[in-house]
Amino acid sequence: MSGVFLSIVIPAYNEEKRISASLVKIMDYMEGKKLSYEFVIADDGCRDNTESIVRSVAGKRALLQYLKSDVNHGKGNAVKRGMLAAKGDFALLTDADLSTPIEELDKFLPRMASPGTVLVGNRKTSGSLVRKHQRFIRENMGKVFTLLTNLILCMWQSDFTCGFKVFGREARERIFKAATIDRWGYDAELLFLAKRYGYTIGDVPVVWDNSEATKVNLVVDTMRTFKELFEIRWNGMRGRY
């Protein structure tokens, strides 16, 4: 065992404007909890000063793995690399903008009990709070996406895409070694695999604020993601997982 309780995995693509403040908030929180932790920053082909900022801010106060990529492969690929590199007993996936505040981890900690833990932030269940909504068309397309994802993958999950998830060591190693989706369909694949491998998916209500600085192209990425949903289903049917 590494002695690290929590790996904090953050996929990053040109995050120089917002990652510094997020790292400071996370470090203040974790130091207050007196929990051992590391940052795993999964660079997805950054062309700005993300790396130098991360090393300057986080490298002075925390254990840090910076996983450099010279090519933009997609967020799913970055998440997979980060999770497989993580050394902690548990790993938290969170976004660089902290749309879900790090303090929401308080709700997860009592349920982080076993290596098979799979906990997902849920913005649509009782006790959750969306303080800043997405624009009307994006929010409603998200509802349609959730419905179609459940139908295509034969699941029932009310929130696939909240970027705040915790995986125990056993669950993450099994799930992420099998994952194949490099771009925006990765969330659906992770939960599909968790269900397929018999892990209980725990929904945790969270606070969430929409960030206007999204990198999602509403038309192009939506069409690509629907294609990926069928790839996931097909992979499951032919035993690739």
C-alpha atoms as a PDB file:
ATOM      1  CA  MET A   1       0.000   0.000   0.000  1.00  0.00           C
ATOM      2  CA  SER A   2       1.230   3.513  -0.794  1.00  0.00           C
ATOM      3  CA  GLY A   3       0.095   5.207   2.399  1.00  0.00           C
ATOM      4  CA  VAL A   4      -2.061   7.578   0.349  1.00  0.00           C
ATOM      5  CA  PHE A   5      -5.716   7.603   1.379  1.00  0.00           C
ATOM      6  CA  LEU A   6      -7.124   9.664  -1.501  1.00  0.00           C
ATOM      7  CA  SER A   7      -5.922  10.357  -5.015  1.00  0.00           C
ATOM      8  CA  ILE A   8      -7.561  13.437  -6.480  1.00  0.00           C
ATOM      9  CA  VAL A   9      -7.709  12.920 -10.231  1.00  0.00           C
ATOM     10  CA  ILE A  10      -8.258  16.023 -12.347  1.00  0.00           C
ATOM     11  CA  PRO A  11      -8.352  15.848 -16.161  1.00  0.00           C
ATOM     12  CA  ALA A  12      -6.949  19.064 -17.593  1.00  0.00           C
ATOM     13  CA  TYR A  13      -7.099  20.694 -21.005  1.00  0.00           C
ATOM     14  CA  ASN A  14      -5.920  24.320 -21.105  1.00  0.00           C
ATOM     15  CA  GLU A  15      -6.947  25.086 -17.535  1.00  0.00           C
ATOM     16  CA  GLU A  16      -4.498  27.896 -16.709  1.00  0.00           C
ATOM     17  CA  LYS A  17      -7.271  30.372 -15.832  1.00  0.00           C
ATOM     18  CA  ARG A  18      -9.050  28.316 -13.187  1.00  0.00           C
ATOM     19  CA  ILE A  19      -6.991  25.401 -11.912  1.00  0.00           C
ATOM     20  CA  SER A  20      -4.867  27.366  -9.439  1.00  0.00           C
ATOM     21  CA  ALA A  21      -7.814  28.496  -7.315  1.00  0.00           C
ATOM     22  CA  SER A  22      -9.290  24.984  -7.384  1.00  0.00           C
ATOM     23  CA  LEU A  23      -6.051  23.380  -6.229  1.00  0.00           C
ATOM     24  CA  VAL A  24      -5.769  25.806  -3.320  1.00  0.00           C
ATOM     25  CA  LYS A  25      -9.349  25.075  -2.228  1.00  0.00           C
ATOM     26  CA  ILE A  26      -8.703  21.342  -2.373  1.00  0.00           C
ATOM     27  CA  MET A  27      -5.429  21.582  -0.444  1.00  0.00           C
ATOM     28  CA  ASP A  28      -7.000  23.720   2.274  1.00  0.00           C
ATOM     29  CA  TYR A  29      -9.848  21.238   2.602  1.00  0.00           C
ATOM     30  CA  MET A  30      -7.669  18.119   2.676  1.00  0.00           C
ATOM     31  CA  GLU A  31      -5.208  19.597   5.151  1.00  0.00           C
ATOM     32  CA  GLY A  32      -8.127  20.511   7.411  1.00  0.00           C
ATOM     33  CA  LYS A  33      -9.301  16.903   7.271  1.00  0.00           C
ATOM     34  CA  LYS A  34      -5.779  15.652   8.013  1.00  0.00           C
ATOM     35  CA  LEU A  35      -6.089  12.976   5.320  1.00  0.00           C
ATOM     36  CA  SER A  36      -3.161  11.785   3.223  1.00  0.00           C
ATOM     37  CA  TYR A  37      -3.658  12.596  -0.438  1.00  0.00           C
ATOM     38  CA  GLU A  38      -2.066  13.185  -3.806  1.00  0.00           C
ATOM     39  CA  PHE A  39      -2.988  15.093  -6.917  1.00  0.00           C
ATOM     40  CA  VAL A  40      -3.022  13.240 -10.221  1.00  0.00           C
ATOM     41  CA  ILE A  41      -3.339  15.800 -12.999  1.00  0.00           C
ATOM     42  CA  ALA A  42      -4.069  14.112 -16.321  1.00  0.00           C
ATOM     43  CA  ASP A  43      -2.933  16.591 -18.973  1.00  0.00           C
ATOM     44  CA  ASP A  44      -4.894  16.081 -22.212  1.00  0.00           C
ATOM     45  CA  GLY A  45      -2.583  17.960 -24.554  1.00  0.00           C
ATOM     46  CA  CYS A  46      -2.535  21.369 -22.831  1.00  0.00           C
ATOM     47  CA  ARG A  47      -1.122  24.189 -24.966  1.00  0.00           C
ATOM     48  CA  ASP A  48      -1.097  26.830 -22.243  1.00  0.00           C
ATOM     49  CA  ASN A  49       0.608  27.227 -18.853  1.00  0.00           C
ATOM     50  CA  THR A  50      -1.431  24.593 -17.006  1.00  0.00           C
ATOM     51  CA  GLU A  51       1.592  22.440 -16.193  1.00  0.00           C
ATOM     52  CA  SER A  52       3.783  25.227 -14.801  1.00  0.00           C
ATOM     53  CA  ILE A  53       0.899  26.578 -12.704  1.00  0.00           C
ATOM     54  CA  VAL A  54       0.089  23.143 -11.280  1.00  0.00           C
ATOM     55  CA  ARG A  55       3.708  22.425 -10.412  1.00  0.00           C
ATOM     56  CA  SER A  56       4.123  25.844  -8.814  1.00  0.00           C
ATOM     57  CA  VAL A  57       0.902  25.773  -6.779  1.00  0.00           C
ATOM     58  CA  ALA A  58       0.434  22.120  -5.867  1.00  0.00           C
ATOM     59  CA  GLY A  59       4.013  20.897  -5.957  1.00  0.00           C
ATOM     60  CA  LYS A  60       4.914  22.942  -2.899  1.00  0.00           C
ATOM     61  CA  ARG A  61       2.180  21.554  -0.641  1.00  0.00           C
ATOM     62  CA  ALA A  62       1.085  18.159  -1.925  1.00  0.00           C
ATOM     63  CA  LEU A  63       2.207  14.950  -3.536  1.00  0.00           C
ATOM     64  CA  LEU A  64       1.812  15.399  -7.267  1.00  0.00           C
ATOM     65  CA  GLN A  65       1.745  13.237 -10.345  1.00  0.00           C
ATOM     66  CA  TYR A  66       1.540  15.282 -13.535  1.00  0.00           C
ATOM     67  CA  LEU A  67       0.732  13.018 -16.467  1.00  0.00           C
ATOM     68  CA  LYS A  68       1.777  14.884 -19.591  1.00  0.00           C
ATOM     69  CA  SER A  69       0.308  14.238 -23.027  1.00  0.00           C
ATOM     70  CA  ASP A  70       1.432  15.989 -26.187  1.00  0.00           C
ATOM     71  CA  VAL A  71      -1.830  15.096 -27.933  1.00  0.00           C
ATOM     72  CA  ASN A  72      -5.467  15.791 -27.103  1.00  0.00           C
ATOM     73  CA  HIS A  73      -6.987  12.301 -26.924  1.00  0.00           C
ATOM     74  CA  GLY A  74     -10.194  13.247 -25.101  1.00  0.00           C
ATOM     75  CA  LYS A  75     -11.405  13.589 -21.538  1.00  0.00           C
ATOM     76  CA  GLY A  76     -12.213   9.902 -21.201  1.00  0.00           C
ATOM     77  CA  ASN A  77      -8.647   8.998 -22.097  1.00  0.00           C
ATOM     78  CA  ALA A  78      -7.276  11.509 -19.572  1.00  0.00           C
ATOM     79  CA  VAL A  79      -9.553  10.182 -16.824  1.00  0.00           C
ATOM     80  CA  LYS A  80      -8.467   6.612 -17.525  1.00  0.00           C
ATOM     81  CA  ARG A  81      -4.763   7.498 -17.418  1.00  0.00           C
ATOM     82  CA  GLY A  82      -5.248   9.397 -14.194  1.00  0.00           C
ATOM     83  CA  MET A  83      -7.216   6.681 -12.457  1.00  0.00           C
ATOM     84  CA  LEU A  84      -4.798   3.920 -13.431  1.00  0.00           C
ATOM     85  CA  ALA A  85      -1.856   6.001 -12.168  1.00  0.00           C
ATOM     86  CA  ALA A  86      -3.557   6.807  -8.858  1.00  0.00           C
ATOM     87  CA  LYS A  87      -1.921   5.341  -5.745  1.00  0.00           C
ATOM     88  CA  GLY A  88      -4.616   6.041  -3.176  1.00  0.00           C
ATOM     89  CA  ASP A  89      -6.903   3.575  -1.464  1.00  0.00           C
ATOM     90  CA  PHE A  90      -9.665   5.672  -3.014  1.00  0.00           C
ATOM     91  CA  ALA A  91      -9.652   8.041  -5.969  1.00  0.00           C
ATOM     92  CA  LEU A  92     -11.834  11.095  -6.443  1.00  0.00           C
ATOM     93  CA  LEU A  93     -12.553  12.254  -9.973  1.00  0.00           C
ATOM     94  CA  THR A  94     -13.302  15.962 -10.067  1.00  0.00           C
ATOM     95  CA  ASP A  95     -13.255  18.708 -12.665  1.00  0.00           C
ATOM     96  CA  ALA A  96     -10.754  21.543 -12.755  1.00  0.00           C
ATOM     97  CA  ASP A  97     -13.504  24.119 -12.226  1.00  0.00           C
ATOM     98  CA  LEU A  98     -14.863  22.430  -9.074  1.00  0.00           C
ATOM     99  CA  SER A  99     -18.443  22.696 -10.323  1.00  0.00           C
ATOM    100  CA  THR A 100     -19.111  20.398  -7.392  1.00  0.00           C
ATOM    101  CA  PRO A 101     -17.367  22.046  -4.419  1.00  0.00           C
ATOM    102  CA  ILE A 102     -14.698  19.941  -2.724  1.00  0.00           C
ATOM    103  CA  GLU A 103     -16.627  20.256   0.551  1.00  0.00           C
ATOM    104  CA  GLU A 104     -19.204  17.860  -0.923  1.00  0.00           C
ATOM    105  CA  LEU A 105     -16.655  15.106  -0.255  1.00  0.00           C
ATOM    106  CA  ASP A 106     -17.959  15.238   3.339  1.00  0.00           C
ATOM    107  CA  LYS A 107     -20.977  13.287   2.090  1.00  0.00           C
ATOM    108  CA  PHE A 108     -18.796  10.632   0.463  1.00  0.00           C
ATOM    109  CA  LEU A 109     -16.282   9.965   3.223  1.00  0.00           C
ATOM    110  CA  PRO A 110     -18.597   7.930   5.514  1.00  0.00           C
ATOM    111  CA  ARG A 111     -19.398   5.633   2.569  1.00  0.00           C
ATOM    112  CA  MET A 112     -15.792   5.065   1.474  1.00  0.00           C
ATOM    113  CA  ALA A 113     -15.390   1.757   3.260  1.00  0.00           C
ATOM    114  CA  SER A 114     -14.266  -0.919   0.816  1.00  0.00           C
ATOM    115  CA  PRO A 115     -12.011  -1.432  -2.215  1.00  0.00           C
ATOM    116  CA  GLY A 116     -15.143  -2.041  -4.280  1.00  0.00           C
ATOM    117  CA  THR A 117     -16.622   1.388  -3.559  1.00  0.00           C
ATOM    118  CA  VAL A 118     -18.289   3.198  -6.475  1.00  0.00           C
ATOM    119  CA  LEU A 119     -19.925   6.498  -5.502  1.00  0.00           C
ATOM    120  CA  VAL A 120     -21.273   9.047  -7.971  1.00  0.00           C
ATOM    121  CA  GLY A 121     -22.356  12.617  -7.420  1.00  0.00           C
ATOM    122  CA  ASN A 122     -25.997  13.061  -8.351  1.00  0.00           C
ATOM    123  CA  ARG A 123     -27.544  16.441  -9.205  1.00  0.00           C
ATOM    124  CA  LYS A 124     -31.047  15.028  -9.690  1.00  0.00           C
ATOM    125  CA  THR A 125     -31.784  13.127  -6.501  1.00  0.00           C
ATOM    126  CA  SER A 126     -33.330  14.208  -3.215  1.00  0.00           C
ATOM    127  CA  GLY A 127     -30.974  16.440  -1.259  1.00  0.00           C
ATOM    128  CA  SER A 128     -29.074  17.746  -4.285  1.00  0.00           C
ATOM    129  CA  LEU A 129     -28.888  21.425  -5.204  1.00  0.00           C
ATOM    130  CA  VAL A 130     -28.173  23.002  -8.581  1.00  0.00           C
ATOM    131  CA  ARG A 131     -27.267  26.585  -7.733  1.00  0.00           C
ATOM    132  CA  LYS A 132     -26.576  27.618 -11.315  1.00  0.00           C
ATOM    133  CA  HIS A 133     -28.335  25.807 -14.131  1.00  0.00           C
ATOM    134  CA  GLN A 134     -27.153  25.160 -17.650  1.00  0.00           C
ATOM    135  CA  ARG A 135     -28.837  27.010 -20.458  1.00  0.00           C
ATOM    136  CA  PHE A 136     -32.296  25.690 -21.333  1.00  0.00           C
ATOM    137  CA  ILE A 137     -31.374  23.769 -24.487  1.00  0.00           C
ATOM    138  CA  ARG A 138     -28.253  22.199 -22.949  1.00  0.00           C
ATOM    139  CA  GLU A 139     -30.069  21.146 -19.776  1.00  0.00           C
ATOM    140  CA  ASN A 140     -32.937  19.561 -21.686  1.00  0.00           C
ATOM    141  CA  MET A 141     -30.631  17.815 -24.124  1.00  0.00           C
ATOM    142  CA  GLY A 142     -28.931  16.407 -21.037  1.00  0.00           C
ATOM    143  CA  LYS A 143     -32.245  14.955 -19.879  1.00  0.00           C
ATOM    144  CA  VAL A 144     -32.781  13.338 -23.283  1.00  0.00           C
ATOM    145  CA  PHE A 145     -29.233  11.974 -23.198  1.00  0.00           C
ATOM    146  CA  THR A 146     -29.844  10.404 -19.780  1.00  0.00           C
ATOM    147  CA  LEU A 147     -33.057   8.767 -20.974  1.00  0.00           C
ATOM    148  CA  LEU A 148     -31.455   7.353 -24.126  1.00  0.00           C
ATOM    149  CA  THR A 149     -28.376   6.186 -22.217  1.00  0.00           C
ATOM    150  CA  ASN A 150     -30.551   4.195 -19.838  1.00  0.00           C
ATOM    151  CA  LEU A 151     -32.521   2.700 -22.727  1.00  0.00           C
ATOM    152  CA  ILE A 152     -29.485   1.786 -24.829  1.00  0.00           C
ATOM    153  CA  LEU A 153     -27.435   0.398 -21.936  1.00  0.00           C
ATOM    154  CA  CYS A 154     -30.383  -1.194 -20.104  1.00  0.00           C
ATOM    155  CA  MET A 155     -29.661   0.707 -16.912  1.00  0.00           C
ATOM    156  CA  TRP A 156     -31.445   3.082 -14.584  1.00  0.00           C
ATOM    157  CA  GLN A 157     -29.216   5.910 -13.465  1.00  0.00           C
ATOM    158  CA  SER A 158     -30.554   9.430 -13.033  1.00  0.00           C
ATOM    159  CA  ASP A 159     -27.206  11.223 -13.443  1.00  0.00           C
ATOM    160  CA  PHE A 160     -24.338   9.836 -15.522  1.00  0.00           C
ATOM    161  CA  THR A 161     -22.300  12.947 -16.183  1.00  0.00           C
ATOM    162  CA  CYS A 162     -21.709  14.683 -12.862  1.00  0.00           C
ATOM    163  CA  GLY A 163     -17.919  15.074 -12.713  1.00  0.00           C
ATOM    164  CA  PHE A 164     -17.577  14.082  -9.052  1.00  0.00           C
ATOM    165  CA  LYS A 165     -17.087  10.359  -8.522  1.00  0.00           C
ATOM    166  CA  VAL A 166     -15.166   8.148  -6.072  1.00  0.00           C
ATOM    167  CA  PHE A 167     -13.744   4.695  -6.801  1.00  0.00           C
ATOM    168  CA  GLY A 168     -12.126   2.245  -4.397  1.00  0.00           C
ATOM    169  CA  ARG A 169      -8.849   0.643  -5.469  1.00  0.00           C
ATOM    170  CA  GLU A 170     -10.308  -2.684  -6.633  1.00  0.00           C
ATOM    171  CA  ALA A 171     -13.229  -1.130  -8.507  1.00  0.00           C
ATOM    172  CA  ARG A 172     -11.153   1.484 -10.305  1.00  0.00           C
ATOM    173  CA  GLU A 173      -8.463  -0.961 -11.396  1.00  0.00           C
ATOM    174  CA  ARG A 174     -11.007  -3.347 -12.857  1.00  0.00           C
ATOM    175  CA  ILE A 175     -13.253  -0.710 -14.407  1.00  0.00           C
ATOM    176  CA  PHE A 176     -10.584   1.555 -15.873  1.00  0.00           C
ATOM    177  CA  LYS A 177      -8.453  -1.247 -17.281  1.00  0.00           C
ATOM    178  CA  ALA A 178     -11.498  -2.319 -19.278  1.00  0.00           C
ATOM    179  CA  ALA A 179     -12.623   1.162 -20.356  1.00  0.00           C
ATOM    180  CA  THR A 180     -12.324   1.966 -24.062  1.00  0.00           C
ATOM    181  CA  ILE A 181     -14.107   5.291 -24.630  1.00  0.00           C
ATOM    182  CA  ASP A 182     -11.740   8.247 -25.006  1.00  0.00           C
ATOM    183  CA  ARG A 183     -14.193  11.111 -25.254  1.00  0.00           C
ATOM    184  CA  TRP A 184     -17.480  12.264 -23.753  1.00  0.00           C
ATOM    185  CA  GLY A 185     -19.210   8.886 -23.568  1.00  0.00           C
ATOM    186  CA  TYR A 186     -16.752   7.743 -20.896  1.00  0.00           C
ATOM    187  CA  ASP A 187     -19.108   8.482 -17.970  1.00  0.00           C
ATOM    188  CA  ALA A 188     -21.729   6.103 -19.311  1.00  0.00           C
ATOM    189  CA  GLU A 189     -19.117   3.405 -19.936  1.00  0.00           C
ATOM    190  CA  LEU A 190     -17.743   3.632 -16.397  1.00  0.00           C
ATOM    191  CA  LEU A 191     -21.150   3.110 -14.811  1.00  0.00           C
ATOM    192  CA  PHE A 192     -22.059   0.415 -17.331  1.00  0.00           C
ATOM    193  CA  LEU A 193     -18.877  -1.438 -16.366  1.00  0.00           C
ATOM    194  CA  ALA A 194     -19.501  -0.939 -12.648  1.00  0.00           C
ATOM    195  CA  LYS A 195     -22.916  -2.548 -13.031  1.00  0.00           C
ATOM    196  CA  ARG A 196     -21.582  -5.307 -15.270  1.00  0.00           C
ATOM    197  CA  TYR A 197     -18.888  -6.226 -12.743  1.00  0.00           C
ATOM    198  CA  GLY A 198     -21.352  -6.362  -9.872  1.00  0.00           C
ATOM    199  CA  TYR A 199     -20.390  -3.205  -7.997  1.00  0.00           C
ATOM    200  CA  THR A 200     -23.102  -1.291  -6.186  1.00  0.00           C
ATOM    201  CA  ILE A 201     -23.340   2.249  -7.551  1.00  0.00           C
ATOM    202  CA  GLY A 202     -24.018   4.628  -4.686  1.00  0.00           C
ATOM    203  CA  ASP A 203     -25.727   7.907  -5.554  1.00  0.00           C
ATOM    204  CA  VAL A 204     -24.687  10.859  -3.414  1.00  0.00           C
ATOM    205  CA  PRO A 205     -26.667  14.133  -3.662  1.00  0.00           C
ATOM    206  CA  VAL A 206     -24.369  17.068  -4.385  1.00  0.00           C
ATOM    207  CA  VAL A 207     -24.315  20.809  -4.817  1.00  0.00           C
ATOM    208  CA  TRP A 208     -23.442  21.850  -8.364  1.00  0.00           C
ATOM    209  CA  ASP A 209     -22.809  25.106 -10.221  1.00  0.00           C
ATOM    210  CA  ASN A 210     -22.746  25.168 -14.005  1.00  0.00           C
ATOM    211  CA  SER A 211     -19.563  26.534 -15.549  1.00  0.00           C
ATOM    212  CA  GLU A 212     -20.017  28.585 -18.703  1.00  0.00           C
ATOM    213  CA  ALA A 213     -16.453  27.736 -19.757  1.00  0.00           C
ATOM    214  CA  THR A 214     -17.460  24.311 -21.071  1.00  0.00           C
ATOM    215  CA  LYS A 215     -15.383  22.651 -23.775  1.00  0.00           C
ATOM    216  CA  VAL A 216     -18.315  20.609 -25.069  1.00  0.00           C
ATOM    217  CA  ASN A 217     -19.488  21.307 -28.630  1.00  0.00           C
ATOM    218  CA  LEU A 218     -23.218  20.793 -28.260  1.00  0.00           C
ATOM    219  CA  VAL A 219     -23.848  19.358 -31.739  1.00  0.00           C
ATOM    220  CA  VAL A 220     -20.617  17.549 -32.616  1.00  0.00           C
ATOM    221  CA  ASP A 221     -19.971  16.043 -29.193  1.00  0.00           C
ATOM    222  CA  THR A 222     -23.609  15.027 -28.700  1.00  0.00           C
ATOM    223  CA  MET A 223     -23.621  13.060 -31.953  1.00  0.00           C
ATOM    224  CA  ARG A 224     -20.269  11.464 -31.155  1.00  0.00           C
ATOM    225  CA  THR A 225     -21.452  10.485 -27.682  1.00  0.00           C
ATOM    226  CA  PHE A 226     -24.581   8.771 -28.994  1.00  0.00           C
ATOM    227  CA  LYS A 227     -22.334   6.764 -31.314  1.00  0.00           C
ATOM    228  CA  GLU A 228     -20.195   5.825 -28.309  1.00  0.00           C
ATOM    229  CA  LEU A 229     -23.263   4.586 -26.418  1.00  0.00           C
ATOM    230  CA  PHE A 230     -23.875   2.024 -29.153  1.00  0.00           C
ATOM    231  CA  GLU A 231     -20.188   1.093 -29.072  1.00  0.00           C
ATOM    232  CA  ILE A 232     -20.495   0.404 -25.342  1.00  0.00           C
ATOM    233  CA  ARG A 233     -23.585  -1.736 -25.866  1.00  0.00           C
ATOM    234  CA  TRP A 234     -21.941  -3.619 -28.718  1.00  0.00           C
ATOM    235  CA  ASN A 235     -18.762  -4.193 -26.694  1.00  0.00           C
ATOM    236  CA  GLY A 236     -20.881  -5.625 -23.903  1.00  0.00           C
ATOM    237  CA  MET A 237     -22.802  -7.915 -26.241  1.00  0.00           C
ATOM    238  CA  ARG A 238     -19.696  -9.378 -27.838  1.00  0.00           C
ATOM    239  CA  GLY A 239     -17.885  -9.878 -24.517  1.00  0.00           C
ATOM    240  CA  ARG A 240     -15.160  -7.306 -25.019  1.00  0.00           C
ATOM    241  CA  TYR A 241     -15.559  -6.287 -21.384  1.00  0.00           C
END
